[in-house]
């Protein structure tokens, strides 16, 4: 007798009934019934594909017109949809050459900027506290140090390489995500970078 079970409880070889208008829960083979299945989310093709006994179906696609009985062929991480999601995830983790270059620059640039900011703060604090700059001197060490601290922070904020370190991985993540939405899968950020040099 037919009964409703969670998708997580399905095992390879089980037979599931998919009514019209429902999403196919798993990958498998049609063992009974005929229908049209919208596979747009996987193939990008908007026209529903006829399915009959013996046809292969993909989990996550939409059963359009008739009831189908499907023998489960793959569940969980073995489904086509899960593998596509893994490819996209792995692509976002692979670093392109430009990101590796930005990381190398940042590893030197960050300490240099911090050192320059500290030097700026110390220099202005010394000059103002000794009143070597009469036009800018301020009464009292506390107010002078505050002004020096502001100058030091200005150097740190303006020269901060955060944009260089964050922009590249963000661009890769957005690029691979938009590509996946349009049916284009990139193996990694390095492949996305190489795609910019494609001419035909």
Protein backbone atom coordinates (compact mmCIF):
# COMPACT_ATOMS: atom_id res chain seq x y z
CA UNK A 1 0.00 0.00 0.00
CA UNK A 2 1.18 3.53 -0.76
CA UNK A 3 2.19 5.73 2.18
CA UNK A 4 3.82 9.11 2.66
CA UNK A 5 7.40 9.09 3.93
CA UNK A 6 10.04 11.80 4.35
CA UNK A 7 12.50 12.07 1.46
CA UNK A 8 15.33 11.33 3.92
CA UNK A 9 13.84 7.86 4.54
CA UNK A 10 13.90 6.86 0.86
CA UNK A 11 16.43 4.26 -0.21
CA UNK A 12 17.74 3.11 -3.57
CA UNK A 13 15.24 0.70 -5.13
CA UNK A 14 12.15 2.17 -3.47
CA UNK A 15 9.27 3.13 -5.77
CA UNK A 16 7.66 6.53 -5.26
CA UNK A 17 4.51 7.96 -6.80
CA UNK A 18 4.78 11.53 -8.05
CA UNK A 19 1.42 13.23 -8.77
CA UNK A 20 1.00 15.95 -11.42
CA UNK A 21 2.28 19.34 -10.30
CA UNK A 22 4.72 17.89 -7.75
CA UNK A 23 8.50 18.00 -7.75
CA UNK A 24 10.34 14.75 -8.19
CA UNK A 25 11.97 14.04 -4.82
CA UNK A 26 14.87 11.92 -6.11
CA UNK A 27 16.72 10.79 -9.22
CA UNK A 28 15.44 7.56 -10.70
CA UNK A 29 13.78 5.59 -13.47
CA UNK A 30 10.12 5.73 -14.46
CA UNK A 31 8.59 2.26 -13.94
CA UNK A 32 4.97 3.18 -14.62
CA UNK A 33 2.95 6.08 -16.03
CA UNK A 34 3.73 8.82 -18.49
CA UNK A 35 3.97 12.58 -18.18
CA UNK A 36 5.94 15.65 -19.16
CA UNK A 37 8.66 16.88 -16.84
CA UNK A 38 9.94 20.45 -16.70
CA UNK A 39 13.74 20.18 -16.38
CA UNK A 40 14.39 23.89 -16.79
CA UNK A 41 16.22 24.20 -13.46
CA UNK A 42 18.82 21.65 -14.60
CA UNK A 43 19.05 21.94 -18.39
CA UNK A 44 17.77 25.47 -18.98
CA UNK A 45 15.29 24.11 -21.54
CA UNK A 46 11.84 25.65 -20.90
CA UNK A 47 9.88 23.05 -22.91
CA UNK A 48 8.73 20.07 -20.77
CA UNK A 49 10.28 16.73 -21.73
CA UNK A 50 8.03 13.68 -22.29
CA UNK A 51 8.71 10.84 -19.85
CA UNK A 52 7.45 7.28 -20.06
CA UNK A 53 8.40 3.89 -18.68
CA UNK A 54 12.18 3.43 -18.70
CA UNK A 55 12.98 7.15 -18.83
CA UNK A 56 15.40 8.72 -16.37
CA UNK A 57 14.20 11.62 -14.20
CA UNK A 58 16.10 14.12 -12.07
CA UNK A 59 15.21 15.07 -8.52
CA UNK A 60 14.01 18.65 -8.11
CA UNK A 61 12.40 18.84 -11.56
CA UNK A 62 8.65 19.38 -11.93
CA UNK A 63 6.18 16.71 -12.99
CA UNK A 64 3.65 18.52 -15.18
CA UNK A 65 0.79 16.47 -16.60
CA UNK A 66 0.47 12.88 -15.36
CA UNK A 67 1.26 10.63 -12.43
CA UNK A 68 4.62 8.86 -12.46
CA UNK A 69 5.92 5.90 -10.49
CA UNK A 70 9.67 6.24 -10.13
CA UNK A 71 12.20 3.71 -8.85
CA UNK A 72 14.73 5.56 -6.71
CA UNK A 73 18.19 5.55 -8.27
CA UNK A 74 20.04 8.13 -6.17
CA UNK A 75 19.35 9.98 -2.94
CA UNK A 76 21.05 12.64 -0.85
CA UNK A 77 24.49 13.70 -2.04
CA UNK A 78 24.35 11.29 -4.99
CA UNK A 79 21.58 13.14 -6.84
CA UNK A 80 22.32 15.32 -9.87
CA UNK A 81 21.10 18.43 -8.06
CA UNK A 82 23.34 17.77 -5.05
CA UNK A 83 26.34 17.29 -7.32
CA UNK A 84 25.60 20.57 -9.12
CA UNK A 85 25.41 22.36 -5.77
CA UNK A 86 28.76 20.82 -4.78
CA UNK A 87 30.38 21.97 -8.03
CA UNK A 88 29.16 25.53 -7.41
CA UNK A 89 30.35 25.42 -3.80
CA UNK A 90 33.78 24.08 -4.79
CA UNK A 91 34.05 26.71 -7.52
CA UNK A 92 33.54 29.47 -4.98
CA UNK A 93 36.30 28.02 -2.78
CA UNK A 94 38.94 27.68 -5.52
CA UNK A 95 41.16 30.73 -5.64
CA UNK A 96 42.03 32.38 -8.96
CA UNK A 97 45.57 33.62 -9.59
CA UNK A 98 44.53 37.23 -9.06
CA UNK A 99 43.22 36.39 -5.57
CA UNK A 100 46.47 34.65 -4.65
CA UNK A 101 48.35 37.73 -5.87
CA UNK A 102 46.10 40.02 -3.81
CA UNK A 103 46.71 37.86 -0.73
CA UNK A 104 50.48 38.06 -1.20
CA UNK A 105 50.31 41.84 -1.53
CA UNK A 106 48.05 42.12 1.52
CA UNK A 107 50.41 40.02 3.65
CA UNK A 108 53.08 42.70 3.17
CA UNK A 109 50.86 45.75 2.79
CA UNK A 110 48.85 45.29 6.00
CA UNK A 111 51.83 45.33 8.41
CA UNK A 112 53.33 48.24 6.47
CA UNK A 113 50.13 50.27 6.75
CA UNK A 114 49.78 49.53 10.48
CA UNK A 115 53.41 50.54 11.06
CA UNK A 116 52.91 53.74 9.06
CA UNK A 117 49.78 54.60 11.05
CA UNK A 118 51.64 54.09 14.35
CA UNK A 119 54.54 56.18 13.09
CA UNK A 120 52.14 58.95 12.05
CA UNK A 121 50.47 58.92 15.47
CA UNK A 122 53.81 58.97 17.33
CA UNK A 123 55.25 61.74 15.14
CA UNK A 124 52.24 64.02 15.49
CA UNK A 125 51.98 63.33 19.21
CA UNK A 126 55.61 64.28 19.71
CA UNK A 127 55.40 67.42 17.56
CA UNK A 128 52.21 68.66 19.19
CA UNK A 129 53.23 67.88 22.77
CA UNK A 130 56.55 69.73 22.28
CA UNK A 131 54.72 72.59 20.54
CA UNK A 132 57.06 72.38 17.57
CA UNK A 133 54.13 73.32 15.34
CA UNK A 134 52.77 76.49 16.97
CA UNK A 135 49.86 76.89 14.57
CA UNK A 136 48.61 73.37 15.25
CA UNK A 137 49.63 72.96 18.89
CA UNK A 138 46.87 72.27 21.37
CA UNK A 139 46.94 72.93 25.09
CA UNK A 140 47.52 69.80 27.13
CA UNK A 141 48.92 66.37 26.25
CA UNK A 142 45.48 64.72 26.16
CA UNK A 143 44.07 66.92 23.42
CA UNK A 144 47.32 66.76 21.45
CA UNK A 145 47.35 62.97 21.60
CA UNK A 146 43.73 62.90 20.45
CA UNK A 147 44.60 64.92 17.38
CA UNK A 148 47.61 62.70 16.71
CA UNK A 149 45.42 59.62 17.11
CA UNK A 150 42.98 61.04 14.55
CA UNK A 151 45.81 61.49 12.03
CA UNK A 152 47.01 57.94 12.67
CA UNK A 153 43.49 56.58 12.12
CA UNK A 154 43.18 58.59 8.90
CA UNK A 155 46.28 56.87 7.50
CA UNK A 156 44.96 53.46 8.57
CA UNK A 157 41.50 54.00 7.06
CA UNK A 158 42.65 55.51 3.77
CA UNK A 159 45.45 53.01 3.12
CA UNK A 160 43.61 49.94 4.46
CA UNK A 161 43.88 47.07 1.93
CA UNK A 162 40.58 45.50 3.02
CA UNK A 163 38.98 46.30 -0.34
CA UNK A 164 41.76 44.48 -2.16
CA UNK A 165 41.45 41.43 0.08
CA UNK A 166 37.65 41.26 0.05
CA UNK A 167 36.75 42.36 -3.48
CA UNK A 168 38.32 39.40 -5.30
CA UNK A 169 36.66 36.51 -3.40
CA UNK A 170 33.37 38.41 -3.39
CA UNK A 171 33.55 38.88 -7.16
CA UNK A 172 34.28 35.16 -7.65
CA UNK A 173 31.38 34.16 -5.41
CA UNK A 174 28.93 36.48 -7.17
CA UNK A 175 30.18 35.51 -10.63
CA UNK A 176 29.87 31.76 -10.06
CA UNK A 177 26.47 32.24 -8.39
CA UNK A 178 25.06 34.30 -11.27
CA UNK A 179 26.50 31.81 -13.75
CA UNK A 180 24.78 28.93 -11.94
CA UNK A 181 21.46 30.78 -12.05
CA UNK A 182 21.84 31.03 -15.82
CA UNK A 183 22.86 27.42 -16.30
CA UNK A 184 26.61 28.04 -16.59
CA UNK A 185 28.79 26.13 -14.13
CA UNK A 186 32.38 27.22 -13.51
CA UNK A 187 34.80 24.63 -12.16
CA UNK A 188 36.52 27.28 -10.06
CA UNK A 189 37.57 30.88 -9.72
CA UNK A 190 40.63 30.19 -11.85
CA UNK A 191 38.35 28.99 -14.67
CA UNK A 192 36.20 32.11 -14.29
CA UNK A 193 39.33 34.23 -14.59
CA UNK A 194 40.44 32.33 -17.71
CA UNK A 195 36.97 32.84 -19.24
CA UNK A 196 37.68 36.57 -19.43
CA UNK A 197 40.27 35.81 -22.13
CA UNK A 198 37.88 33.80 -24.32
CA UNK A 199 37.40 35.50 -27.69
CA UNK A 200 35.04 33.12 -29.48
